Amino acid sequence: MTEPAKPGLSIHCADIVELVTDYLEGALDEPTAAEVEAHLALCDGCDTYLEQMRETIRTLGRVEVESLSDQAVTDLTSAFRNFHGLESPGR
Protein backbone atom coordinates (compact mmCIF):
# COMPACT_ATOMS: atom_id res chain seq x y z
CA MET A 1 0.00 0.00 0.00
CA THR A 2 1.40 3.40 -0.97
CA GLU A 3 1.47 6.32 1.41
CA PRO A 4 -0.68 9.32 0.55
CA ALA A 5 1.21 12.29 -0.83
CA LYS A 6 2.43 14.81 1.70
CA PRO A 7 0.40 18.04 1.80
CA GLY A 8 1.37 20.29 -1.08
CA LEU A 9 2.93 17.52 -3.16
CA SER A 10 -0.17 16.05 -4.75
CA ILE A 11 -0.74 19.25 -6.69
CA HIS A 12 1.66 20.52 -9.34
CA CYS A 13 2.76 24.01 -10.35
CA ALA A 14 0.68 23.82 -13.55
CA ASP A 15 -2.36 23.09 -11.37
CA ILE A 16 -1.67 26.23 -9.33
CA VAL A 17 -1.69 28.32 -12.52
CA GLU A 18 -5.08 26.83 -13.43
CA LEU A 19 -6.54 27.29 -9.93
CA VAL A 20 -5.13 30.70 -8.95
CA THR A 21 -8.21 32.71 -9.94
CA ASP A 22 -10.60 30.43 -8.07
CA TYR A 23 -8.20 30.42 -5.10
CA LEU A 24 -8.06 34.22 -4.96
CA GLU A 25 -11.85 34.44 -5.27
CA GLY A 26 -12.37 31.88 -2.49
CA ALA A 27 -14.16 29.56 -4.90
CA LEU A 28 -12.18 26.37 -4.18
CA ASP A 29 -13.54 23.64 -1.95
CA GLU A 30 -11.76 23.41 1.40
CA PRO A 31 -9.56 20.35 0.62
CA THR A 32 -8.35 21.87 -2.66
CA ALA A 33 -7.68 25.26 -1.05
CA ALA A 34 -5.72 23.53 1.73
CA GLU A 35 -3.65 21.63 -0.85
CA VAL A 36 -2.97 24.87 -2.78
CA GLU A 37 -1.86 26.59 0.43
CA ALA A 38 0.39 23.67 1.37
CA HIS A 39 1.95 23.78 -2.12
CA LEU A 40 2.46 27.54 -1.88
CA ALA A 41 4.29 27.07 1.44
CA LEU A 42 6.69 24.64 -0.28
CA CYS A 43 7.12 26.29 -3.69
CA ASP A 44 8.73 29.73 -3.91
CA GLY A 45 7.94 29.97 -7.63
CA CYS A 46 4.20 29.43 -7.15
CA ASP A 47 4.16 31.71 -4.12
CA THR A 48 5.81 34.44 -6.22
CA TYR A 49 3.29 33.83 -9.02
CA LEU A 50 0.40 34.20 -6.56
CA GLU A 51 1.85 37.47 -5.27
CA GLN A 52 2.25 38.73 -8.85
CA MET A 53 -1.40 37.95 -9.51
CA ARG A 54 -2.43 39.78 -6.32
CA GLU A 55 -0.35 42.79 -7.34
CA THR A 56 -1.90 42.77 -10.83
CA ILE A 57 -5.38 42.78 -9.28
CA ARG A 58 -4.41 45.60 -6.87
CA THR A 59 -2.96 47.65 -9.73
CA LEU A 60 -5.53 47.02 -12.44
CA GLY A 61 -8.63 46.13 -10.48
CA ARG A 62 -11.24 43.81 -11.90
CA VAL A 63 -13.00 43.58 -15.21
CA GLU A 64 -16.33 41.79 -15.18
CA VAL A 65 -16.87 39.61 -18.26
CA GLU A 66 -20.35 41.08 -18.65
CA SER A 67 -18.80 44.53 -19.15
CA LEU A 68 -16.79 43.40 -22.19
CA SER A 69 -18.01 43.61 -25.75
CA ASP A 70 -18.60 40.38 -27.66
CA GLN A 71 -15.54 41.19 -29.79
CA ALA A 72 -13.36 41.70 -26.70
CA VAL A 73 -14.46 38.33 -25.29
CA THR A 74 -13.73 36.66 -28.63
CA ASP A 75 -10.31 38.32 -28.90
CA LEU A 76 -9.32 37.50 -25.32
CA THR A 77 -10.51 33.90 -25.61
CA SER A 78 -8.58 33.47 -28.84
CA ALA A 79 -5.43 35.00 -27.33
CA PHE A 80 -5.69 32.69 -24.31
CA ARG A 81 -6.15 29.61 -26.47
CA ASN A 82 -3.26 30.58 -28.72
CA PHE A 83 -1.05 31.28 -25.69
CA HIS A 84 -1.68 27.81 -24.30
CA GLY A 85 -1.33 26.13 -27.69
CA LEU A 86 -4.94 24.99 -27.72
CA GLU A 87 -5.64 26.46 -31.10
CA SER A 88 -3.44 26.50 -34.16
CA PRO A 89 -2.54 29.92 -35.65
CA GLY A 90 -4.94 31.17 -38.29
CA ARG A 91 -7.84 29.16 -36.96
PDB file of N, CA and C in Angstrom:
ATOM      1  N   MET A   1       0.837  -1.184   0.000  1.00  0.00           N
ATOM      2  CA  MET A   1       0.000   0.000   0.000  1.00  0.00           C
ATOM      3  C   MET A   1       0.883   1.249   0.000  1.00  0.00           C
ATOM      4  N   THR A   2       0.593   2.192  -0.896  1.00  0.00           N
ATOM      5  CA  THR A   2       1.403   3.401  -0.972  1.00  0.00           C
ATOM      6  C   THR A   2       0.894   4.443   0.011  1.00  0.00           C
ATOM      7  N   GLU A   3       1.840   5.235   0.495  1.00  0.00           N
ATOM      8  CA  GLU A   3       1.473   6.320   1.411  1.00  0.00           C
ATOM      9  C   GLU A   3       0.834   7.456   0.626  1.00  0.00           C
ATOM     10  N   PRO A   4      -0.119   8.159   1.237  1.00  0.00           N
ATOM     11  CA  PRO A   4      -0.676   9.325   0.554  1.00  0.00           C
ATOM     12  C   PRO A   4       0.393  10.402   0.416  1.00  0.00           C
ATOM     13  N   ALA A   5       0.251  11.212  -0.599  1.00  0.00           N
ATOM     14  CA  ALA A   5       1.212  12.288  -0.827  1.00  0.00           C
ATOM     15  C   ALA A   5       1.183  13.263   0.341  1.00  0.00           C
ATOM     16  N   LYS A   6       2.348  13.807   0.642  1.00  0.00           N
ATOM     17  CA  LYS A   6       2.432  14.808   1.704  1.00  0.00           C
ATOM     18  C   LYS A   6       1.695  16.067   1.247  1.00  0.00           C
ATOM     19  N   PRO A   7       1.114  16.817   2.182  1.00  0.00           N
ATOM     20  CA  PRO A   7       0.396  18.041   1.795  1.00  0.00           C
ATOM     21  C   PRO A   7       1.267  18.954   0.929  1.00  0.00           C
ATOM     22  N   GLY A   8       0.686  19.400  -0.158  1.00  0.00           N
ATOM     23  CA  GLY A   8       1.375  20.293  -1.083  1.00  0.00           C
ATOM     24  C   GLY A   8       2.081  19.590  -2.216  1.00  0.00           C
ATOM     25  N   LEU A   9       2.205  18.267  -2.130  1.00  0.00           N
ATOM     26  CA  LEU A   9       2.934  17.524  -3.157  1.00  0.00           C
ATOM     27  C   LEU A   9       2.025  16.783  -4.123  1.00  0.00           C
ATOM     28  N   SER A  10       0.739  16.727  -3.831  1.00  0.00           N
ATOM     29  CA  SER A  10      -0.174  16.047  -4.751  1.00  0.00           C
ATOM     30  C   SER A  10      -0.712  17.001  -5.814  1.00  0.00           C
ATOM     31  N   ILE A  11      -0.331  18.245  -5.711  1.00  0.00           N
ATOM     32  CA  ILE A  11      -0.741  19.255  -6.692  1.00  0.00           C
ATOM     33  C   ILE A  11       0.538  19.787  -7.333  1.00  0.00           C
ATOM     34  N   HIS A  12       0.482  20.092  -8.606  1.00  0.00           N
ATOM     35  CA  HIS A  12       1.663  20.525  -9.343  1.00  0.00           C
ATOM     36  C   HIS A  12       1.578  22.015  -9.675  1.00  0.00           C
ATOM     37  N   CYS A  13       2.705  22.587 -10.029  1.00  0.00           N
ATOM     38  CA  CYS A  13       2.761  24.011 -10.349  1.00  0.00           C
ATOM     39  C   CYS A  13       1.766  24.379 -11.457  1.00  0.00           C
ATOM     40  N   ALA A  14       1.639  23.547 -12.471  1.00  0.00           N
ATOM     41  CA  ALA A  14       0.679  23.820 -13.553  1.00  0.00           C
ATOM     42  C   ALA A  14      -0.749  23.868 -13.009  1.00  0.00           C
ATOM     43  N   ASP A  15      -1.032  23.054 -11.990  1.00  0.00           N
ATOM     44  CA  ASP A  15      -2.360  23.089 -11.367  1.00  0.00           C
ATOM     45  C   ASP A  15      -2.592  24.425 -10.669  1.00  0.00           C
ATOM     46  N   ILE A  16      -1.555  24.942 -10.026  1.00  0.00           N
ATOM     47  CA  ILE A  16      -1.672  26.232  -9.333  1.00  0.00           C
ATOM     48  C   ILE A  16      -2.038  27.324 -10.340  1.00  0.00           C
ATOM     49  N   VAL A  17      -1.384  27.316 -11.486  1.00  0.00           N
ATOM     50  CA  VAL A  17      -1.689  28.318 -12.522  1.00  0.00           C
ATOM     51  C   VAL A  17      -3.161  28.237 -12.912  1.00  0.00           C
ATOM     52  N   GLU A  18      -3.676  27.019 -13.053  1.00  0.00           N
ATOM     53  CA  GLU A  18      -5.076  26.829 -13.433  1.00  0.00           C
ATOM     54  C   GLU A  18      -6.048  27.230 -12.321  1.00  0.00           C
ATOM     55  N   LEU A  19      -5.631  27.078 -11.064  1.00  0.00           N
ATOM     56  CA  LEU A  19      -6.537  27.289  -9.927  1.00  0.00           C
ATOM     57  C   LEU A  19      -6.414  28.658  -9.277  1.00  0.00           C
ATOM     58  N   VAL A  20      -5.430  29.461  -9.681  1.00  0.00           N
ATOM     59  CA  VAL A  20      -5.135  30.696  -8.948  1.00  0.00           C
ATOM     60  C   VAL A  20      -6.325  31.652  -8.885  1.00  0.00           C
ATOM     61  N   THR A  21      -7.064  31.791  -9.952  1.00  0.00           N
ATOM     62  CA  THR A  21      -8.214  32.708  -9.940  1.00  0.00           C
ATOM     63  C   THR A  21      -9.262  32.239  -8.949  1.00  0.00           C
ATOM     64  N   ASP A  22      -9.616  30.964  -9.012  1.00  0.00           N
ATOM     65  CA  ASP A  22     -10.597  30.431  -8.066  1.00  0.00           C
ATOM     66  C   ASP A  22     -10.082  30.527  -6.637  1.00  0.00           C
ATOM     67  N   TYR A  23      -8.791  30.309  -6.435  1.00  0.00           N
ATOM     68  CA  TYR A  23      -8.203  30.422  -5.100  1.00  0.00           C
ATOM     69  C   TYR A  23      -8.346  31.849  -4.574  1.00  0.00           C
ATOM     70  N   LEU A  24      -7.980  32.824  -5.389  1.00  0.00           N
ATOM     71  CA  LEU A  24      -8.059  34.221  -4.963  1.00  0.00           C
ATOM     72  C   LEU A  24      -9.494  34.679  -4.725  1.00  0.00           C
ATOM     73  N   GLU A  25     -10.437  34.078  -5.434  1.00  0.00           N
ATOM     74  CA  GLU A  25     -11.849  34.440  -5.265  1.00  0.00           C
ATOM     75  C   GLU A  25     -12.535  33.619  -4.177  1.00  0.00           C
ATOM     76  N   GLY A  26     -11.798  32.709  -3.538  1.00  0.00           N
ATOM     77  CA  GLY A  26     -12.373  31.881  -2.487  1.00  0.00           C
ATOM     78  C   GLY A  26     -13.368  30.863  -3.001  1.00  0.00           C
ATOM     79  N   ALA A  27     -13.199  30.453  -4.265  1.00  0.00           N
ATOM     80  CA  ALA A  27     -14.162  29.558  -4.899  1.00  0.00           C
ATOM     81  C   ALA A  27     -13.752  28.082  -4.853  1.00  0.00           C
ATOM     82  N   LEU A  28     -12.610  27.770  -4.251  1.00  0.00           N
ATOM     83  CA  LEU A  28     -12.182  26.375  -4.176  1.00  0.00           C
ATOM     84  C   LEU A  28     -12.815  25.695  -2.972  1.00  0.00           C
ATOM     85  N   ASP A  29     -13.065  24.381  -3.114  1.00  0.00           N
ATOM     86  CA  ASP A  29     -13.538  23.638  -1.946  1.00  0.00           C
ATOM     87  C   ASP A  29     -12.393  23.596  -0.929  1.00  0.00           C
ATOM     88  N   GLU A  30     -12.739  23.331   0.310  1.00  0.00           N
ATOM     89  CA  GLU A  30     -11.760  23.408   1.399  1.00  0.00           C
ATOM     90  C   GLU A  30     -10.553  22.486   1.212  1.00  0.00           C
ATOM     91  N   PRO A  31     -10.743  21.212   0.819  1.00  0.00           N
ATOM     92  CA  PRO A  31      -9.563  20.353   0.624  1.00  0.00           C
ATOM     93  C   PRO A  31      -8.625  20.855  -0.479  1.00  0.00           C
ATOM     94  N   THR A  32      -9.187  21.360  -1.570  1.00  0.00           N
ATOM     95  CA  THR A  32      -8.349  21.867  -2.660  1.00  0.00           C
ATOM     96  C   THR A  32      -7.625  23.131  -2.227  1.00  0.00           C
ATOM     97  N   ALA A  33      -8.323  24.041  -1.545  1.00  0.00           N
ATOM     98  CA  ALA A  33      -7.682  25.264  -1.048  1.00  0.00           C
ATOM     99  C   ALA A  33      -6.554  24.922  -0.085  1.00  0.00           C
ATOM    100  N   ALA A  34      -6.765  23.938   0.779  1.00  0.00           N
ATOM    101  CA  ALA A  34      -5.723  23.532   1.726  1.00  0.00           C
ATOM    102  C   ALA A  34      -4.515  22.967   0.989  1.00  0.00           C
ATOM    103  N   GLU A  35      -4.754  22.194  -0.075  1.00  0.00           N
ATOM    104  CA  GLU A  35      -3.651  21.629  -0.852  1.00  0.00           C
ATOM    105  C   GLU A  35      -2.895  22.738  -1.586  1.00  0.00           C
ATOM    106  N   VAL A  36      -3.617  23.718  -2.127  1.00  0.00           N
ATOM    107  CA  VAL A  36      -2.972  24.868  -2.781  1.00  0.00           C
ATOM    108  C   VAL A  36      -2.106  25.595  -1.766  1.00  0.00           C
ATOM    109  N   GLU A  37      -2.624  25.870  -0.587  1.00  0.00           N
ATOM    110  CA  GLU A  37      -1.865  26.590   0.434  1.00  0.00           C
ATOM    111  C   GLU A  37      -0.630  25.803   0.871  1.00  0.00           C
ATOM    112  N   ALA A  38      -0.764  24.491   1.004  1.00  0.00           N
ATOM    113  CA  ALA A  38       0.390  23.667   1.367  1.00  0.00           C
ATOM    114  C   ALA A  38       1.445  23.718   0.267  1.00  0.00           C
ATOM    115  N   HIS A  39       1.009  23.692  -0.997  1.00  0.00           N
ATOM    116  CA  HIS A  39       1.955  23.782  -2.119  1.00  0.00           C
ATOM    117  C   HIS A  39       2.651  25.138  -2.116  1.00  0.00           C
ATOM    118  N   LEU A  40       1.889  26.205  -1.894  1.00  0.00           N
ATOM    119  CA  LEU A  40       2.461  27.544  -1.875  1.00  0.00           C
ATOM    120  C   LEU A  40       3.521  27.683  -0.782  1.00  0.00           C
ATOM    121  N   ALA A  41       3.323  27.016   0.346  1.00  0.00           N
ATOM    122  CA  ALA A  41       4.286  27.067   1.439  1.00  0.00           C
ATOM    123  C   ALA A  41       5.596  26.361   1.068  1.00  0.00           C
ATOM    124  N   LEU A  42       5.519  25.408   0.138  1.00  0.00           N
ATOM    125  CA  LEU A  42       6.694  24.640  -0.275  1.00  0.00           C
ATOM    126  C   LEU A  42       7.379  25.184  -1.531  1.00  0.00           C
ATOM    127  N   CYS A  43       6.643  25.920  -2.351  1.00  0.00           N
ATOM    128  CA  CYS A  43       7.125  26.290  -3.690  1.00  0.00           C
ATOM    129  C   CYS A  43       7.258  27.807  -3.823  1.00  0.00           C
ATOM    130  N   ASP A  44       8.491  28.284  -3.787  1.00  0.00           N
ATOM    131  CA  ASP A  44       8.727  29.725  -3.908  1.00  0.00           C
ATOM    132  C   ASP A  44       8.242  30.272  -5.241  1.00  0.00           C
ATOM    133  N   GLY A  45       8.376  29.497  -6.316  1.00  0.00           N
ATOM    134  CA  GLY A  45       7.944  29.969  -7.633  1.00  0.00           C
ATOM    135  C   GLY A  45       6.445  30.209  -7.680  1.00  0.00           C
ATOM    136  N   CYS A  46       5.662  29.273  -7.151  1.00  0.00           N
ATOM    137  CA  CYS A  46       4.204  29.430  -7.154  1.00  0.00           C
ATOM    138  C   CYS A  46       3.772  30.536  -6.196  1.00  0.00           C
ATOM    139  N   ASP A  47       4.467  30.644  -5.070  1.00  0.00           N
ATOM    140  CA  ASP A  47       4.159  31.714  -4.121  1.00  0.00           C
ATOM    141  C   ASP A  47       4.412  33.077  -4.768  1.00  0.00           C
ATOM    142  N   THR A  48       5.504  33.191  -5.499  1.00  0.00           N
ATOM    143  CA  THR A  48       5.810  34.436  -6.215  1.00  0.00           C
ATOM    144  C   THR A  48       4.747  34.711  -7.270  1.00  0.00           C
ATOM    145  N   TYR A  49       4.337  33.678  -8.006  1.00  0.00           N
ATOM    146  CA  TYR A  49       3.292  33.825  -9.025  1.00  0.00           C
ATOM    147  C   TYR A  49       1.997  34.338  -8.396  1.00  0.00           C
ATOM    148  N   LEU A  50       1.609  33.760  -7.255  1.00  0.00           N
ATOM    149  CA  LEU A  50       0.404  34.203  -6.559  1.00  0.00           C
ATOM    150  C   LEU A  50       0.516  35.677  -6.171  1.00  0.00           C
ATOM    151  N   GLU A  51       1.664  36.071  -5.655  1.00  0.00           N
ATOM    152  CA  GLU A  51       1.850  37.474  -5.266  1.00  0.00           C
ATOM    153  C   GLU A  51       1.807  38.393  -6.487  1.00  0.00           C
ATOM    154  N   GLN A  52       2.333  37.941  -7.619  1.00  0.00           N
ATOM    155  CA  GLN A  52       2.253  38.733  -8.852  1.00  0.00           C
ATOM    156  C   GLN A  52       0.806  38.900  -9.284  1.00  0.00           C
ATOM    157  N   MET A  53       0.020  37.863  -9.167  1.00  0.00           N
ATOM    158  CA  MET A  53      -1.401  37.951  -9.514  1.00  0.00           C
ATOM    159  C   MET A  53      -2.118  38.921  -8.574  1.00  0.00           C
ATOM    160  N   ARG A  54      -1.814  38.843  -7.277  1.00  0.00           N
ATOM    161  CA  ARG A  54      -2.426  39.779  -6.319  1.00  0.00           C
ATOM    162  C   ARG A  54      -2.047  41.222  -6.644  1.00  0.00           C
ATOM    163  N   GLU A  55      -0.795  41.443  -6.999  1.00  0.00           N
ATOM    164  CA  GLU A  55      -0.347  42.793  -7.341  1.00  0.00           C
ATOM    165  C   GLU A  55      -1.032  43.284  -8.616  1.00  0.00           C
ATOM    166  N   THR A  56      -1.201  42.407  -9.591  1.00  0.00           N
ATOM    167  CA  THR A  56      -1.901  42.774 -10.826  1.00  0.00           C
ATOM    168  C   THR A  56      -3.330  43.197 -10.513  1.00  0.00           C
ATOM    169  N   ILE A  57      -4.005  42.450  -9.656  1.00  0.00           N
ATOM    170  CA  ILE A  57      -5.379  42.784  -9.277  1.00  0.00           C
ATOM    171  C   ILE A  57      -5.414  44.113  -8.535  1.00  0.00           C
ATOM    172  N   ARG A  58      -4.458  44.318  -7.609  1.00  0.00           N
ATOM    173  CA  ARG A  58      -4.411  45.597  -6.872  1.00  0.00           C
ATOM    174  C   ARG A  58      -4.186  46.769  -7.824  1.00  0.00           C
ATOM    175  N   THR A  59      -3.321  46.567  -8.809  1.00  0.00           N
ATOM    176  CA  THR A  59      -2.963  47.648  -9.727  1.00  0.00           C
ATOM    177  C   THR A  59      -4.051  47.919 -10.755  1.00  0.00           C
ATOM    178  N   LEU A  60      -4.589  46.868 -11.335  1.00  0.00           N
ATOM    179  CA  LEU A  60      -5.533  47.023 -12.440  1.00  0.00           C
ATOM    180  C   LEU A  60      -6.992  46.906 -12.037  1.00  0.00           C
ATOM    181  N   GLY A  61      -7.246  46.328 -10.894  1.00  0.00           N
ATOM    182  CA  GLY A  61      -8.631  46.133 -10.480  1.00  0.00           C
ATOM    183  C   GLY A  61      -9.224  44.928 -11.179  1.00  0.00           C
ATOM    184  N   ARG A  62     -10.520  44.942 -11.305  1.00  0.00           N
ATOM    185  CA  ARG A  62     -11.241  43.810 -11.898  1.00  0.00           C
ATOM    186  C   ARG A  62     -12.002  44.269 -13.126  1.00  0.00           C
ATOM    187  N   VAL A  63     -12.164  43.345 -14.042  1.00  0.00           N
ATOM    188  CA  VAL A  63     -13.000  43.584 -15.208  1.00  0.00           C
ATOM    189  C   VAL A  63     -14.020  42.448 -15.235  1.00  0.00           C
ATOM    190  N   GLU A  64     -15.269  42.792 -15.119  1.00  0.00           N
ATOM    191  CA  GLU A  64     -16.329  41.785 -15.176  1.00  0.00           C
ATOM    192  C   GLU A  64     -16.559  41.391 -16.637  1.00  0.00           C
ATOM    193  N   VAL A  65     -16.675  40.114 -16.897  1.00  0.00           N
ATOM    194  CA  VAL A  65     -16.867  39.612 -18.258  1.00  0.00           C
ATOM    195  C   VAL A  65     -18.078  40.282 -18.905  1.00  0.00           C
ATOM    196  N   GLU A  66     -19.126  40.481 -18.113  1.00  0.00           N
ATOM    197  CA  GLU A  66     -20.349  41.078 -18.650  1.00  0.00           C
ATOM    198  C   GLU A  66     -20.126  42.505 -19.172  1.00  0.00           C
ATOM    199  N   SER A  67     -19.058  43.158 -18.714  1.00  0.00           N
ATOM    200  CA  SER A  67     -18.800  44.532 -19.154  1.00  0.00           C
ATOM    201  C   SER A  67     -18.036  44.583 -20.476  1.00  0.00           C
ATOM    202  N   LEU A  68     -17.560  43.443 -20.952  1.00  0.00           N
ATOM    203  CA  LEU A  68     -16.788  43.399 -22.194  1.00  0.00           C
ATOM    204  C   LEU A  68     -17.702  43.234 -23.401  1.00  0.00           C
ATOM    205  N   SER A  69     -17.272  43.808 -24.505  1.00  0.00           N
ATOM    206  CA  SER A  69     -18.014  43.614 -25.749  1.00  0.00           C
ATOM    207  C   SER A  69     -17.828  42.178 -26.223  1.00  0.00           C
ATOM    208  N   ASP A  70     -18.722  41.727 -27.095  1.00  0.00           N
ATOM    209  CA  ASP A  70     -18.595  40.381 -27.657  1.00  0.00           C
ATOM    210  C   ASP A  70     -17.260  40.216 -28.363  1.00  0.00           C
ATOM    211  N   GLN A  71     -16.819  41.260 -29.069  1.00  0.00           N
ATOM    212  CA  GLN A  71     -15.541  41.191 -29.787  1.00  0.00           C
ATOM    213  C   GLN A  71     -14.379  41.066 -28.804  1.00  0.00           C
ATOM    214  N   ALA A  72     -14.426  41.793 -27.695  1.00  0.00           N
ATOM    215  CA  ALA A  72     -13.359  41.702 -26.695  1.00  0.00           C
ATOM    216  C   ALA A  72     -13.292  40.299 -26.104  1.00  0.00           C
ATOM    217  N   VAL A  73     -14.433  39.702 -25.811  1.00  0.00           N
ATOM    218  CA  VAL A  73     -14.464  38.332 -25.285  1.00  0.00           C
ATOM    219  C   VAL A  73     -13.875  37.371 -26.310  1.00  0.00           C
ATOM    220  N   THR A  74     -14.255  37.514 -27.570  1.00  0.00           N
ATOM    221  CA  THR A  74     -13.727  36.658 -28.634  1.00  0.00           C
ATOM    222  C   THR A  74     -12.218  36.815 -28.754  1.00  0.00           C
ATOM    223  N   ASP A  75     -11.742  38.062 -28.767  1.00  0.00           N
ATOM    224  CA  ASP A  75     -10.308  38.320 -28.903  1.00  0.00           C
ATOM    225  C   ASP A  75      -9.519  37.766 -27.720  1.00  0.00           C
ATOM    226  N   LEU A  76     -10.015  37.982 -26.507  1.00  0.00           N
ATOM    227  CA  LEU A  76      -9.315  37.499 -25.320  1.00  0.00           C
ATOM    228  C   LEU A  76      -9.311  35.979 -25.256  1.00  0.00           C
ATOM    229  N   THR A  77     -10.432  35.360 -25.606  1.00  0.00           N
ATOM    230  CA  THR A  77     -10.505  33.901 -25.609  1.00  0.00           C
ATOM    231  C   THR A  77      -9.539  33.324 -26.627  1.00  0.00           C
ATOM    232  N   SER A  78      -9.490  33.926 -27.795  1.00  0.00           N
ATOM    233  CA  SER A  78      -8.576  33.471 -28.839  1.00  0.00           C
ATOM    234  C   SER A  78      -7.120  33.633 -28.400  1.00  0.00           C
ATOM    235  N   ALA A  79      -6.801  34.770 -27.798  1.00  0.00           N
ATOM    236  CA  ALA A  79      -5.435  35.004 -27.326  1.00  0.00           C
ATOM    237  C   ALA A  79      -5.053  33.982 -26.268  1.00  0.00           C
ATOM    238  N   PHE A  80      -5.957  33.674 -25.363  1.00  0.00           N
ATOM    239  CA  PHE A  80      -5.688  32.686 -24.314  1.00  0.00           C
ATOM    240  C   PHE A  80      -5.456  31.312 -24.920  1.00  0.00           C
ATOM    241  N   ARG A  81      -6.307  30.919 -25.837  1.00  0.00           N
ATOM    242  CA  ARG A  81      -6.146  29.605 -26.472  1.00  0.00           C
ATOM    243  C   ARG A  81      -4.840  29.521 -27.244  1.00  0.00           C
ATOM    244  N   ASN A  82      -4.501  30.568 -27.966  1.00  0.00           N
ATOM    245  CA  ASN A  82      -3.256  30.579 -28.722  1.00  0.00           C
ATOM    246  C   ASN A  82      -2.051  30.543 -27.791  1.00  0.00           C
ATOM    247  N   PHE A  83      -2.131  31.243 -26.667  1.00  0.00           N
ATOM    248  CA  PHE A  83      -1.052  31.282 -25.689  1.00  0.00           C
ATOM    249  C   PHE A  83      -0.784  29.890 -25.132  1.00  0.00           C
ATOM    250  N   HIS A  84      -1.813  29.145 -24.872  1.00  0.00           N
ATOM    251  CA  HIS A  84      -1.679  27.814 -24.301  1.00  0.00           C
ATOM    252  C   HIS A  84      -1.570  26.720 -25.362  1.00  0.00           C
ATOM    253  N   GLY A  85      -1.486  27.103 -26.629  1.00  0.00           N
ATOM    254  CA  GLY A  85      -1.328  26.127 -27.687  1.00  0.00           C
ATOM    255  C   GLY A  85      -2.565  25.276 -27.932  1.00  0.00           C
ATOM    256  N   LEU A  86      -3.723  25.770 -27.542  1.00  0.00           N
ATOM    257  CA  LEU A  86      -4.939  24.994 -27.723  1.00  0.00           C
ATOM    258  C   LEU A  86      -5.554  25.182 -29.093  1.00  0.00           C
ATOM    259  N   GLU A  87      -5.098  26.164 -29.780  1.00  0.00           N
ATOM    260  CA  GLU A  87      -5.642  26.462 -31.098  1.00  0.00           C
ATOM    261  C   GLU A  87      -4.478  26.748 -32.028  1.00  0.00           C
ATOM    262  N   SER A  88      -4.520  26.224 -33.228  1.00  0.00           N
ATOM    263  CA  SER A  88      -3.438  26.498 -34.158  1.00  0.00           C
ATOM    264  C   SER A  88      -3.590  27.901 -34.729  1.00  0.00           C
ATOM    265  N   PRO A  89      -2.473  28.573 -35.079  1.00  0.00           N
ATOM    266  CA  PRO A  89      -2.543  29.921 -35.646  1.00  0.00           C
ATOM    267  C   PRO A  89      -3.398  29.933 -36.909  1.00  0.00           C
ATOM    268  N   GLY A  90      -4.114  31.006 -37.094  1.00  0.00           N
ATOM    269  CA  GLY A  90      -4.938  31.165 -38.286  1.00  0.00           C
ATOM    270  C   GLY A  90      -6.262  30.468 -38.216  1.00  0.00           C
ATOM    271  N   ARG A  91      -6.560  29.881 -37.111  1.00  0.00           N
ATOM    272  CA  ARG A  91      -7.841  29.163 -36.965  1.00  0.00           C
ATOM    273  C   ARG A  91      -8.949  30.101 -36.581  1.00  0.00           C
TER     274      ARG A  91
END
